Amino acid sequence: MKSVLVIFSQGAASGQTLLEALSATMVLATFGLNVKVCLINEAISLLQAPHHTAISMSSSPPFKSAYGMVESFEFYDLLPVWVCQKQQAQLQHLKTSIEYELVNLNPALLAQFNQVLYW
């Protein structure tokens, strides 16, 4: 079975590009590839639920949030999400219910995958 590592470095502020990348990742998992997701840099913020104000709660957003998409990774066997160990300090400020695991992204780990995608 082919294995793919998808590394996200962009946070939710990147907008539609990020949503499309998350969707493509879920499609890869749907078609029988062994997919692993790793979050680095601003993408670590995807583990934090967005803050909603009373005004934004009354009008639902037209598209699913990036956090909501990451939250649904459990249905695609994409959990635990990997987080680069160098950014462990950032995780202390996040309150997340999404399962994650710290990893050291090194050449040996990357070599275990047939393909590495960066988004």
PDB file of N, CA and C in Angstrom:
ATOM      1  N   MET A   1       0.843  -1.168   0.000  1.00  0.00           N
ATOM      2  CA  MET A   1       0.000   0.000   0.000  1.00  0.00           C
ATOM      3  C   MET A   1       0.896   1.242   0.000  1.00  0.00           C
ATOM      4  N   LYS A   2       0.572   2.187  -0.844  1.00  0.00           N
ATOM      5  CA  LYS A   2       1.345   3.425  -0.906  1.00  0.00           C
ATOM      6  C   LYS A   2       1.057   4.277   0.320  1.00  0.00           C
ATOM      7  N   SER A   3       2.096   4.960   0.777  1.00  0.00           N
ATOM      8  CA  SER A   3       1.929   5.821   1.940  1.00  0.00           C
ATOM      9  C   SER A   3       2.291   7.255   1.573  1.00  0.00           C
ATOM     10  N   VAL A   4       1.510   8.179   2.118  1.00  0.00           N
ATOM     11  CA  VAL A   4       1.673   9.599   1.825  1.00  0.00           C
ATOM     12  C   VAL A   4       1.701  10.368   3.140  1.00  0.00           C
ATOM     13  N   LEU A   5       2.674  11.248   3.258  1.00  0.00           N
ATOM     14  CA  LEU A   5       2.732  12.173   4.385  1.00  0.00           C
ATOM     15  C   LEU A   5       2.327  13.539   3.871  1.00  0.00           C
ATOM     16  N   VAL A   6       1.321  14.126   4.500  1.00  0.00           N
ATOM     17  CA  VAL A   6       0.857  15.461   4.121  1.00  0.00           C
ATOM     18  C   VAL A   6       1.254  16.413   5.234  1.00  0.00           C
ATOM     19  N   ILE A   7       2.067  17.401   4.895  1.00  0.00           N
ATOM     20  CA  ILE A   7       2.548  18.371   5.877  1.00  0.00           C
ATOM     21  C   ILE A   7       1.874  19.705   5.619  1.00  0.00           C
ATOM     22  N   PHE A   8       1.124  20.163   6.613  1.00  0.00           N
ATOM     23  CA  PHE A   8       0.464  21.465   6.531  1.00  0.00           C
ATOM     24  C   PHE A   8       1.279  22.476   7.316  1.00  0.00           C
ATOM     25  N   SER A   9       1.523  23.624   6.699  1.00  0.00           N
ATOM     26  CA  SER A   9       2.255  24.686   7.395  1.00  0.00           C
ATOM     27  C   SER A   9       1.432  25.966   7.486  1.00  0.00           C
ATOM     28  N   GLN A  10       0.296  26.025   6.799  1.00  0.00           N
ATOM     29  CA  GLN A  10      -0.530  27.223   6.789  1.00  0.00           C
ATOM     30  C   GLN A  10      -1.674  27.098   7.782  1.00  0.00           C
ATOM     31  N   GLY A  11      -1.981  28.209   8.431  1.00  0.00           N
ATOM     32  CA  GLY A  11      -3.079  28.241   9.379  1.00  0.00           C
ATOM     33  C   GLY A  11      -4.400  28.552   8.705  1.00  0.00           C
ATOM     34  N   ALA A  12      -5.426  28.698   9.515  1.00  0.00           N
ATOM     35  CA  ALA A  12      -6.777  28.937   9.007  1.00  0.00           C
ATOM     36  C   ALA A  12      -6.895  30.241   8.227  1.00  0.00           C
ATOM     37  N   ALA A  13      -5.992  31.183   8.448  1.00  0.00           N
ATOM     38  CA  ALA A  13      -6.048  32.467   7.750  1.00  0.00           C
ATOM     39  C   ALA A  13      -5.769  32.336   6.253  1.00  0.00           C
ATOM     40  N   SER A  14      -5.247  31.194   5.825  1.00  0.00           N
ATOM     41  CA  SER A  14      -4.951  31.020   4.401  1.00  0.00           C
ATOM     42  C   SER A  14      -6.207  30.757   3.571  1.00  0.00           C
ATOM     43  N   GLY A  15      -7.327  30.567   4.231  1.00  0.00           N
ATOM     44  CA  GLY A  15      -8.628  30.529   3.556  1.00  0.00           C
ATOM     45  C   GLY A  15      -8.910  29.299   2.722  1.00  0.00           C
ATOM     46  N   GLN A  16      -9.441  29.546   1.538  1.00  0.00           N
ATOM     47  CA  GLN A  16      -9.942  28.481   0.673  1.00  0.00           C
ATOM     48  C   GLN A  16      -8.849  27.493   0.274  1.00  0.00           C
ATOM     49  N   THR A  17      -7.632  27.957   0.115  1.00  0.00           N
ATOM     50  CA  THR A  17      -6.531  27.068  -0.251  1.00  0.00           C
ATOM     51  C   THR A  17      -6.367  25.966   0.785  1.00  0.00           C
ATOM     52  N   LEU A  18      -6.416  26.339   2.044  1.00  0.00           N
ATOM     53  CA  LEU A  18      -6.290  25.356   3.119  1.00  0.00           C
ATOM     54  C   LEU A  18      -7.461  24.383   3.110  1.00  0.00           C
ATOM     55  N   LEU A  19      -8.672  24.883   2.934  1.00  0.00           N
ATOM     56  CA  LEU A  19      -9.851  24.011   2.912  1.00  0.00           C
ATOM     57  C   LEU A  19      -9.760  22.994   1.777  1.00  0.00           C
ATOM     58  N   GLU A  20      -9.265  23.434   0.619  1.00  0.00           N
ATOM     59  CA  GLU A  20      -9.114  22.517  -0.508  1.00  0.00           C
ATOM     60  C   GLU A  20      -8.035  21.475  -0.228  1.00  0.00           C
ATOM     61  N   ALA A  21      -6.953  21.882   0.426  1.00  0.00           N
ATOM     62  CA  ALA A  21      -5.884  20.943   0.769  1.00  0.00           C
ATOM     63  C   ALA A  21      -6.375  19.909   1.783  1.00  0.00           C
ATOM     64  N   LEU A  22      -7.144  20.349   2.767  1.00  0.00           N
ATOM     65  CA  LEU A  22      -7.710  19.414   3.741  1.00  0.00           C
ATOM     66  C   LEU A  22      -8.663  18.434   3.056  1.00  0.00           C
ATOM     67  N   SER A  23      -9.474  18.941   2.145  1.00  0.00           N
ATOM     68  CA  SER A  23     -10.399  18.075   1.396  1.00  0.00           C
ATOM     69  C   SER A  23      -9.636  17.055   0.558  1.00  0.00           C
ATOM     70  N   ALA A  24      -8.577  17.492  -0.107  1.00  0.00           N
ATOM     71  CA  ALA A  24      -7.778  16.578  -0.925  1.00  0.00           C
ATOM     72  C   ALA A  24      -7.140  15.496  -0.060  1.00  0.00           C
ATOM     73  N   THR A  25      -6.720  15.856   1.134  1.00  0.00           N
ATOM     74  CA  THR A  25      -6.134  14.882   2.054  1.00  0.00           C
ATOM     75  C   THR A  25      -7.156  13.815   2.428  1.00  0.00           C
ATOM     76  N   MET A  26      -8.370  14.232   2.686  1.00  0.00           N
ATOM     77  CA  MET A  26      -9.418  13.266   3.037  1.00  0.00           C
ATOM     78  C   MET A  26      -9.764  12.376   1.839  1.00  0.00           C
ATOM     79  N   VAL A  27      -9.707  12.927   0.631  1.00  0.00           N
ATOM     80  CA  VAL A  27      -9.962  12.125  -0.564  1.00  0.00           C
ATOM     81  C   VAL A  27      -8.879  11.059  -0.717  1.00  0.00           C
ATOM     82  N   LEU A  28      -7.613  11.441  -0.495  1.00  0.00           N
ATOM     83  CA  LEU A  28      -6.526  10.458  -0.574  1.00  0.00           C
ATOM     84  C   LEU A  28      -6.767   9.309   0.395  1.00  0.00           C
ATOM     85  N   ALA A  29      -7.189   9.623   1.599  1.00  0.00           N
ATOM     86  CA  ALA A  29      -7.453   8.589   2.610  1.00  0.00           C
ATOM     87  C   ALA A  29      -8.634   7.718   2.211  1.00  0.00           C
ATOM     88  N   THR A  30      -9.596   8.298   1.529  1.00  0.00           N
ATOM     89  CA  THR A  30     -10.785   7.561   1.107  1.00  0.00           C
ATOM     90  C   THR A  30     -10.449   6.500   0.066  1.00  0.00           C
ATOM     91  N   PHE A  31      -9.440   6.765  -0.761  1.00  0.00           N
ATOM     92  CA  PHE A  31      -9.103   5.852  -1.844  1.00  0.00           C
ATOM     93  C   PHE A  31      -8.014   4.846  -1.482  1.00  0.00           C
ATOM     94  N   GLY A  32      -7.911   4.524  -0.204  1.00  0.00           N
ATOM     95  CA  GLY A  32      -7.081   3.410   0.211  1.00  0.00           C
ATOM     96  C   GLY A  32      -5.602   3.689   0.392  1.00  0.00           C
ATOM     97  N   LEU A  33      -5.172   4.937   0.307  1.00  0.00           N
ATOM     98  CA  LEU A  33      -3.782   5.250   0.583  1.00  0.00           C
ATOM     99  C   LEU A  33      -3.570   5.345   2.086  1.00  0.00           C
ATOM    100  N   ASN A  34      -2.397   5.001   2.532  1.00  0.00           N
ATOM    101  CA  ASN A  34      -2.044   5.168   3.934  1.00  0.00           C
ATOM    102  C   ASN A  34      -1.574   6.617   4.085  1.00  0.00           C
ATOM    103  N   VAL A  35      -2.409   7.464   4.661  1.00  0.00           N
ATOM    104  CA  VAL A  35      -2.131   8.894   4.754  1.00  0.00           C
ATOM    105  C   VAL A  35      -1.856   9.276   6.199  1.00  0.00           C
ATOM    106  N   LYS A  36      -0.802  10.048   6.393  1.00  0.00           N
ATOM    107  CA  LYS A  36      -0.466  10.595   7.709  1.00  0.00           C
ATOM    108  C   LYS A  36      -0.391  12.103   7.555  1.00  0.00           C
ATOM    109  N   VAL A  37      -0.934  12.841   8.524  1.00  0.00           N
ATOM    110  CA  VAL A  37      -0.970  14.300   8.483  1.00  0.00           C
ATOM    111  C   VAL A  37      -0.056  14.852   9.564  1.00  0.00           C
ATOM    112  N   CYS A  38       0.747  15.842   9.184  1.00  0.00           N
ATOM    113  CA  CYS A  38       1.637  16.507  10.132  1.00  0.00           C
ATOM    114  C   CYS A  38       1.389  18.012  10.069  1.00  0.00           C
ATOM    115  N   LEU A  39       1.298  18.644  11.223  1.00  0.00           N
ATOM    116  CA  LEU A  39       1.091  20.091  11.308  1.00  0.00           C
ATOM    117  C   LEU A  39       2.364  20.760  11.799  1.00  0.00           C
ATOM    118  N   ILE A  40       2.772  21.809  11.087  1.00  0.00           N
ATOM    119  CA  ILE A  40       3.928  22.598  11.496  1.00  0.00           C
ATOM    120  C   ILE A  40       3.576  24.072  11.371  1.00  0.00           C
ATOM    121  N   ASN A  41       4.370  24.913  11.990  1.00  0.00           N
ATOM    122  CA  ASN A  41       4.222  26.370  11.924  1.00  0.00           C
ATOM    123  C   ASN A  41       2.807  26.811  12.284  1.00  0.00           C
ATOM    124  N   GLU A  42       2.200  27.663  11.447  1.00  0.00           N
ATOM    125  CA  GLU A  42       0.859  28.191  11.755  1.00  0.00           C
ATOM    126  C   GLU A  42      -0.227  27.122  11.730  1.00  0.00           C
ATOM    127  N   ALA A  43       0.017  26.014  11.067  1.00  0.00           N
ATOM    128  CA  ALA A  43      -0.999  24.965  10.956  1.00  0.00           C
ATOM    129  C   ALA A  43      -1.344  24.342  12.305  1.00  0.00           C
ATOM    130  N   ILE A  44      -0.476  24.502  13.283  1.00  0.00           N
ATOM    131  CA  ILE A  44      -0.778  23.970  14.618  1.00  0.00           C
ATOM    132  C   ILE A  44      -2.052  24.606  15.175  1.00  0.00           C
ATOM    133  N   SER A  45      -2.350  25.818  14.742  1.00  0.00           N
ATOM    134  CA  SER A  45      -3.569  26.494  15.203  1.00  0.00           C
ATOM    135  C   SER A  45      -4.836  25.757  14.768  1.00  0.00           C
ATOM    136  N   LEU A  46      -4.725  24.847  13.810  1.00  0.00           N
ATOM    137  CA  LEU A  46      -5.891  24.071  13.370  1.00  0.00           C
ATOM    138  C   LEU A  46      -6.398  23.122  14.448  1.00  0.00           C
ATOM    139  N   LEU A  47      -5.595  22.903  15.480  1.00  0.00           N
ATOM    140  CA  LEU A  47      -6.026  22.046  16.590  1.00  0.00           C
ATOM    141  C   LEU A  47      -6.921  22.780  17.577  1.00  0.00           C
ATOM    142  N   GLN A  48      -6.970  24.101  17.478  1.00  0.00           N
ATOM    143  CA  GLN A  48      -7.759  24.928  18.398  1.00  0.00           C
ATOM    144  C   GLN A  48      -9.106  25.269  17.767  1.00  0.00           C
ATOM    145  N   ALA A  49     -10.166  25.019  18.500  1.00  0.00           N
ATOM    146  CA  ALA A  49     -11.502  25.369  18.010  1.00  0.00           C
ATOM    147  C   ALA A  49     -11.602  26.875  17.847  1.00  0.00           C
ATOM    148  N   PRO A  50     -12.234  27.332  16.763  1.00  0.00           N
ATOM    149  CA  PRO A  50     -12.380  28.777  16.567  1.00  0.00           C
ATOM    150  C   PRO A  50     -13.270  29.392  17.647  1.00  0.00           C
ATOM    151  N   HIS A  51     -12.968  30.627  17.993  1.00  0.00           N
ATOM    152  CA  HIS A  51     -13.778  31.339  18.974  1.00  0.00           C
ATOM    153  C   HIS A  51     -14.988  31.929  18.270  1.00  0.00           C
ATOM    154  N   HIS A  52     -16.153  31.725  18.865  1.00  0.00           N
ATOM    155  CA  HIS A  52     -17.387  32.249  18.282  1.00  0.00           C
ATOM    156  C   HIS A  52     -17.956  33.314  19.200  1.00  0.00           C
ATOM    157  N   THR A  53     -18.385  34.385  18.605  1.00  0.00           N
ATOM    158  CA  THR A  53     -19.078  35.412  19.362  1.00  0.00           C
ATOM    159  C   THR A  53     -20.579  35.222  19.181  1.00  0.00           C
ATOM    160  N   ALA A  54     -21.352  35.919  19.955  1.00  0.00           N
ATOM    161  CA  ALA A  54     -22.808  35.797  19.852  1.00  0.00           C
ATOM    162  C   ALA A  54     -23.299  36.189  18.466  1.00  0.00           C
ATOM    163  N   ILE A  55     -22.651  37.171  17.848  1.00  0.00           N
ATOM    164  CA  ILE A  55     -23.063  37.619  16.520  1.00  0.00           C
ATOM    165  C   ILE A  55     -22.767  36.545  15.483  1.00  0.00           C
ATOM    166  N   SER A  56     -21.573  35.951  15.539  1.00  0.00           N
ATOM    167  CA  SER A  56     -21.222  34.955  14.535  1.00  0.00           C
ATOM    168  C   SER A  56     -21.995  33.650  14.722  1.00  0.00           C
ATOM    169  N   MET A  57     -22.466  33.378  15.924  1.00  0.00           N
ATOM    170  CA  MET A  57     -23.227  32.159  16.167  1.00  0.00           C
ATOM    171  C   MET A  57     -24.619  32.242  15.536  1.00  0.00           C
ATOM    172  N   SER A  58     -25.154  33.451  15.414  1.00  0.00           N
ATOM    173  CA  SER A  58     -26.498  33.578  14.865  1.00  0.00           C
ATOM    174  C   SER A  58     -26.529  33.344  13.364  1.00  0.00           C
ATOM    175  N   SER A  59     -25.437  33.643  12.682  1.00  0.00           N
ATOM    176  CA  SER A  59     -25.384  33.383  11.246  1.00  0.00           C
ATOM    177  C   SER A  59     -24.314  32.328  11.000  1.00  0.00           C
ATOM    178  N   SER A  60     -24.750  31.162  10.571  1.00  0.00           N
ATOM    179  CA  SER A  60     -23.795  30.073  10.377  1.00  0.00           C
ATOM    180  C   SER A  60     -22.941  30.345   9.143  1.00  0.00           C
ATOM    181  N   PRO A  61     -21.655  29.969   9.203  1.00  0.00           N
ATOM    182  CA  PRO A  61     -20.784  30.181   8.059  1.00  0.00           C
ATOM    183  C   PRO A  61     -21.198  29.296   6.888  1.00  0.00           C
ATOM    184  N   PRO A  62     -20.978  29.751   5.641  1.00  0.00           N
ATOM    185  CA  PRO A  62     -21.423  28.974   4.490  1.00  0.00           C
ATOM    186  C   PRO A  62     -20.598  27.713   4.259  1.00  0.00           C
ATOM    187  N   PHE A  63     -19.368  27.660   4.777  1.00  0.00           N
ATOM    188  CA  PHE A  63     -18.504  26.508   4.590  1.00  0.00           C
ATOM    189  C   PHE A  63     -18.038  25.997   5.942  1.00  0.00           C
ATOM    190  N   LYS A  64     -17.695  24.742   5.977  1.00  0.00           N
ATOM    191  CA  LYS A  64     -17.174  24.149   7.200  1.00  0.00           C
ATOM    192  C   LYS A  64     -15.815  24.774   7.529  1.00  0.00           C
ATOM    193  N   SER A  65     -15.568  24.984   8.807  1.00  0.00           N
ATOM    194  CA  SER A  65     -14.295  25.568   9.209  1.00  0.00           C
ATOM    195  C   SER A  65     -13.171  24.548   9.037  1.00  0.00           C
ATOM    196  N   ALA A  66     -11.941  25.051   8.935  1.00  0.00           N
ATOM    197  CA  ALA A  66     -10.782  24.166   8.829  1.00  0.00           C
ATOM    198  C   ALA A  66     -10.689  23.286  10.070  1.00  0.00           C
ATOM    199  N   TYR A  67     -10.976  23.849  11.239  1.00  0.00           N
ATOM    200  CA  TYR A  67     -10.966  23.049  12.470  1.00  0.00           C
ATOM    201  C   TYR A  67     -11.982  21.915  12.376  1.00  0.00           C
ATOM    202  N   GLY A  68     -13.156  22.207  11.871  1.00  0.00           N
ATOM    203  CA  GLY A  68     -14.187  21.180  11.722  1.00  0.00           C
ATOM    204  C   GLY A  68     -13.746  20.061  10.794  1.00  0.00           C
ATOM    205  N   MET A  69     -12.995  20.417   9.778  1.00  0.00           N
ATOM    206  CA  MET A  69     -12.497  19.394   8.853  1.00  0.00           C
ATOM    207  C   MET A  69     -11.442  18.523   9.544  1.00  0.00           C
ATOM    208  N   VAL A  70     -10.542  19.155  10.286  1.00  0.00           N
ATOM    209  CA  VAL A  70      -9.523  18.395  11.015  1.00  0.00           C
ATOM    210  C   VAL A  70     -10.200  17.519  12.068  1.00  0.00           C
ATOM    211  N   GLU A  71     -11.220  18.050  12.690  1.00  0.00           N
ATOM    212  CA  GLU A  71     -11.964  17.291  13.695  1.00  0.00           C
ATOM    213  C   GLU A  71     -12.588  16.026  13.088  1.00  0.00           C
ATOM    214  N   SER A  72     -12.952  16.085  11.810  1.00  0.00           N
ATOM    215  CA  SER A  72     -13.572  14.916  11.157  1.00  0.00           C
ATOM    216  C   SER A  72     -12.534  13.903  10.659  1.00  0.00           C
ATOM    217  N   PHE A  73     -11.251  14.164  10.869  1.00  0.00           N
ATOM    218  CA  PHE A  73     -10.202  13.218  10.460  1.00  0.00           C
ATOM    219  C   PHE A  73     -10.394  11.838  11.063  1.00  0.00           C
ATOM    220  N   GLU A  74     -11.055  11.765  12.212  1.00  0.00           N
ATOM    221  CA  GLU A  74     -11.251  10.459  12.844  1.00  0.00           C
ATOM    222  C   GLU A  74     -12.028   9.507  11.943  1.00  0.00           C
ATOM    223  N   PHE A  75     -12.906  10.034  11.101  1.00  0.00           N
ATOM    224  CA  PHE A  75     -13.713   9.191  10.216  1.00  0.00           C
ATOM    225  C   PHE A  75     -12.914   8.691   9.019  1.00  0.00           C
ATOM    226  N   TYR A  76     -11.725   9.256   8.800  1.00  0.00           N
ATOM    227  CA  TYR A  76     -10.869   8.870   7.681  1.00  0.00           C
ATOM    228  C   TYR A  76      -9.600   8.152   8.165  1.00  0.00           C
ATOM    229  N   ASP A  77      -9.571   7.775   9.428  1.00  0.00           N
ATOM    230  CA  ASP A  77      -8.413   7.128  10.047  1.00  0.00           C
ATOM    231  C   ASP A  77      -7.148   7.966   9.891  1.00  0.00           C
ATOM    232  N   LEU A  78      -7.276   9.272  10.071  1.00  0.00           N
ATOM    233  CA  LEU A  78      -6.143  10.189   9.951  1.00  0.00           C
ATOM    234  C   LEU A  78      -5.624  10.652  11.315  1.00  0.00           C
ATOM    235  N   LEU A  79      -6.136  10.045  12.376  1.00  0.00           N
ATOM    236  CA  LEU A  79      -5.677  10.420  13.712  1.00  0.00           C
ATOM    237  C   LEU A  79      -4.762   9.334  14.261  1.00  0.00           C
ATOM    238  N   PRO A  80      -3.832   9.650  15.103  1.00  0.00           N
ATOM    239  CA  PRO A  80      -3.538  10.989  15.615  1.00  0.00           C
ATOM    240  C   PRO A  80      -2.802  11.834  14.565  1.00  0.00           C
ATOM    241  N   VAL A  81      -3.076  13.125  14.591  1.00  0.00           N
ATOM    242  CA  VAL A  81      -2.360  14.079  13.740  1.00  0.00           C
ATOM    243  C   VAL A  81      -0.969  14.243  14.332  1.00  0.00           C
ATOM    244  N   TRP A  82       0.033  14.278  13.495  1.00  0.00           N
ATOM    245  CA  TRP A  82       1.388  14.512  13.978  1.00  0.00           C
ATOM    246  C   TRP A  82       1.639  16.004  14.113  1.00  0.00           C
ATOM    247  N   VAL A  83       2.380  16.380  15.129  1.00  0.00           N
ATOM    248  CA  VAL A  83       2.808  17.762  15.333  1.00  0.00           C
ATOM    249  C   VAL A  83       4.319  17.736  15.493  1.00  0.00           C
ATOM    250  N   CYS A  84       4.989  18.635  14.790  1.00  0.00           N
ATOM    251  CA  CYS A  84       6.441  18.694  14.848  1.00  0.00           C
ATOM    252  C   CYS A  84       6.885  18.976  16.283  1.00  0.00           C
ATOM    253  N   GLN A  85       7.767  18.140  16.783  1.00  0.00           N
ATOM    254  CA  GLN A  85       8.202  18.221  18.179  1.00  0.00           C
ATOM    255  C   GLN A  85       8.869  19.557  18.510  1.00  0.00           C
ATOM    256  N   LYS A  86       9.473  20.195  17.525  1.00  0.00           N
ATOM    257  CA  LYS A  86      10.137  21.483  17.750  1.00  0.00           C
ATOM    258  C   LYS A  86       9.150  22.566  18.172  1.00  0.00           C
ATOM    259  N   GLN A  87       7.884  22.352  17.925  1.00  0.00           N
ATOM    260  CA  GLN A  87       6.867  23.349  18.227  1.00  0.00           C
ATOM    261  C   GLN A  87       5.993  22.948  19.405  1.00  0.00           C
ATOM    262  N   GLN A  88       6.536  22.152  20.274  1.00  0.00           N
ATOM    263  CA  GLN A  88       5.807  21.665  21.441  1.00  0.00           C
ATOM    264  C   GLN A  88       5.338  22.809  22.336  1.00  0.00           C
ATOM    265  N   ALA A  89       6.116  23.881  22.420  1.00  0.00           N
ATOM    266  CA  ALA A  89       5.754  25.017  23.273  1.00  0.00           C
ATOM    267  C   ALA A  89       4.439  25.659  22.824  1.00  0.00           C
ATOM    268  N   GLN A  90       4.172  25.673  21.528  1.00  0.00           N
ATOM    269  CA  GLN A  90       2.931  26.251  21.014  1.00  0.00           C
ATOM    270  C   GLN A  90       1.712  25.468  21.485  1.00  0.00           C
ATOM    271  N   LEU A  91       1.874  24.181  21.695  1.00  0.00           N
ATOM    272  CA  LEU A  91       0.751  23.337  22.095  1.00  0.00           C
ATOM    273  C   LEU A  91       0.275  23.633  23.507  1.00  0.00           C
ATOM    274  N   GLN A  92       1.149  24.179  24.333  1.00  0.00           N
ATOM    275  CA  GLN A  92       0.773  24.470  25.715  1.00  0.00           C
ATOM    276  C   GLN A  92      -0.313  25.540  25.794  1.00  0.00           C
ATOM    277  N   HIS A  93      -0.424  26.359  24.774  1.00  0.00           N
ATOM    278  CA  HIS A  93      -1.412  27.442  24.766  1.00  0.00           C
ATOM    279  C   HIS A  93      -2.732  27.025  24.119  1.00  0.00           C
ATOM    280  N   LEU A  94      -2.773  25.822  23.577  1.00  0.00           N
ATOM    281  CA  LEU A  94      -3.974  25.361  22.886  1.00  0.00           C
ATOM    282  C   LEU A  94      -4.772  24.406  23.760  1.00  0.00           C
ATOM    283  N   LYS A  95      -6.068  24.536  23.664  1.00  0.00           N
ATOM    284  CA  LYS A  95      -6.966  23.568  24.294  1.00  0.00           C
ATOM    285  C   LYS A  95      -7.640  22.829  23.148  1.00  0.00           C
ATOM    286  N   THR A  96      -7.285  21.578  23.006  1.00  0.00           N
ATOM    287  CA  THR A  96      -7.792  20.821  21.865  1.00  0.00           C
ATOM    288  C   THR A  96      -8.354  19.480  22.299  1.00  0.00           C
ATOM    289  N   SER A  97      -9.333  19.021  21.555  1.00  0.00           N
ATOM    290  CA  SER A  97      -9.882  17.688  21.779  1.00  0.00           C
ATOM    291  C   SER A  97      -9.434  16.742  20.664  1.00  0.00           C
ATOM    292  N   ILE A  98      -8.669  17.264  19.721  1.00  0.00           N
ATOM    293  CA  ILE A  98      -8.191  16.466  18.593  1.00  0.00           C
ATOM    294  C   ILE A  98      -6.939  15.700  19.022  1.00  0.00           C
ATOM    295  N   GLU A  99      -6.927  14.422  18.750  1.00  0.00           N
ATOM    296  CA  GLU A  99      -5.805  13.565  19.136  1.00  0.00           C
ATOM    297  C   GLU A  99      -4.578  13.898  18.285  1.00  0.00           C
ATOM    298  N   TYR A 100      -3.437  14.116  18.962  1.00  0.00           N
ATOM    299  CA  TYR A 100      -2.202  14.409  18.242  1.00  0.00           C
ATOM    300  C   TYR A 100      -1.043  13.672  18.901  1.00  0.00           C
ATOM    301  N   GLU A 101       0.051  13.604  18.153  1.00  0.00           N
ATOM    302  CA  GLU A 101       1.265  12.935  18.619  1.00  0.00           C
ATOM    303  C   GLU A 101       2.461  13.776  18.174  1.00  0.00           C
ATOM    304  N   LEU A 102       3.413  13.979  19.068  1.00  0.00           N
ATOM    305  CA  LEU A 102       4.619  14.729  18.732  1.00  0.00           C
ATOM    306  C   LEU A 102       5.587  13.828  17.982  1.00  0.00           C
ATOM    307  N   VAL A 103       6.161  14.342  16.896  1.00  0.00           N
ATOM    308  CA  VAL A 103       7.132  13.584  16.112  1.00  0.00           C
ATOM    309  C   VAL A 103       8.319  14.474  15.769  1.00  0.00           C
ATOM    310  N   ASN A 104       9.418  13.844  15.513  1.00  0.00           N
ATOM    311  CA  ASN A 104      10.611  14.545  15.064  1.00  0.00           C
ATOM    312  C   ASN A 104      10.708  14.343  13.555  1.00  0.00           C
ATOM    313  N   LEU A 105      10.453  15.404  12.803  1.00  0.00           N
ATOM    314  CA  LEU A 105      10.517  15.308  11.339  1.00  0.00           C
ATOM    315  C   LEU A 105      11.978  15.283  10.919  1.00  0.00           C
ATOM    316  N   ASN A 106      12.456  14.109  10.611  1.00  0.00           N
ATOM    317  CA  ASN A 106      13.838  13.966  10.173  1.00  0.00           C
ATOM    318  C   ASN A 106      13.859  13.172   8.872  1.00  0.00           C
ATOM    319  N   PRO A 107      14.994  13.148   8.186  1.00  0.00           N
ATOM    320  CA  PRO A 107      15.070  12.431   6.900  1.00  0.00           C
ATOM    321  C   PRO A 107      14.662  10.958   6.987  1.00  0.00           C
ATOM    322  N   ALA A 108      14.993  10.293   8.088  1.00  0.00           N
ATOM    323  CA  ALA A 108      14.623   8.880   8.231  1.00  0.00           C
ATOM    324  C   ALA A 108      13.109   8.698   8.261  1.00  0.00           C
ATOM    325  N   LEU A 109      12.417   9.588   8.971  1.00  0.00           N
ATOM    326  CA  LEU A 109      10.954   9.506   9.029  1.00  0.00           C
ATOM    327  C   LEU A 109      10.345   9.796   7.659  1.00  0.00           C
ATOM    328  N   LEU A 110      10.837  10.826   6.999  1.00  0.00           N
ATOM    329  CA  LEU A 110      10.313  11.186   5.676  1.00  0.00           C
ATOM    330  C   LEU A 110      10.548  10.075   4.655  1.00  0.00           C
ATOM    331  N   ALA A 111      11.651   9.347   4.794  1.00  0.00           N
ATOM    332  CA  ALA A 111      11.981   8.275   3.860  1.00  0.00           C
ATOM    333  C   ALA A 111      11.023   7.088   3.960  1.00  0.00           C
ATOM    334  N   GLN A 112      10.257   7.000   5.036  1.00  0.00           N
ATOM    335  CA  GLN A 112       9.306   5.900   5.208  1.00  0.00           C
ATOM    336  C   GLN A 112       8.090   6.035   4.300  1.00  0.00           C
ATOM    337  N   PHE A 113       7.913   7.201   3.696  1.00  0.00           N
ATOM    338  CA  PHE A 113       6.729   7.472   2.875  1.00  0.00           C
ATOM    339  C   PHE A 113       7.076   7.453   1.393  1.00  0.00           C
ATOM    340  N   ASN A 114       6.127   6.978   0.596  1.00  0.00           N
ATOM    341  CA  ASN A 114       6.325   6.990  -0.865  1.00  0.00           C
ATOM    342  C   ASN A 114       6.260   8.402  -1.419  1.00  0.00           C
ATOM    343  N   GLN A 115       5.467   9.249  -0.783  1.00  0.00           N
ATOM    344  CA  GLN A 115       5.260  10.619  -1.262  1.00  0.00           C
ATOM    345  C   GLN A 115       5.092  11.541  -0.065  1.00  0.00           C
ATOM    346  N   VAL A 116       5.664  12.732  -0.161  1.00  0.00           N
ATOM    347  CA  VAL A 116       5.479  13.766   0.871  1.00  0.00           C
ATOM    348  C   VAL A 116       4.908  14.991   0.178  1.00  0.00           C
ATOM    349  N   LEU A 117       3.746  15.435   0.641  1.00  0.00           N
ATOM    350  CA  LEU A 117       3.090  16.624   0.085  1.00  0.00           C
ATOM    351  C   LEU A 117       3.170  17.764   1.097  1.00  0.00           C
ATOM    352  N   TYR A 118       3.526  18.933   0.639  1.00  0.00           N
ATOM    353  CA  TYR A 118       3.597  20.124   1.495  1.00  0.00           C
ATOM    354  C   TYR A 118       2.515  21.100   1.100  1.00  0.00           C
ATOM    355  N   TRP A 119       1.680  21.490   2.070  1.00  0.00           N
ATOM    356  CA  TRP A 119       0.670  22.515   1.826  1.00  0.00           C
ATOM    357  C   TRP A 119       0.759  23.557   2.895  1.00  0.00           C
TER     358      TRP A 119
END
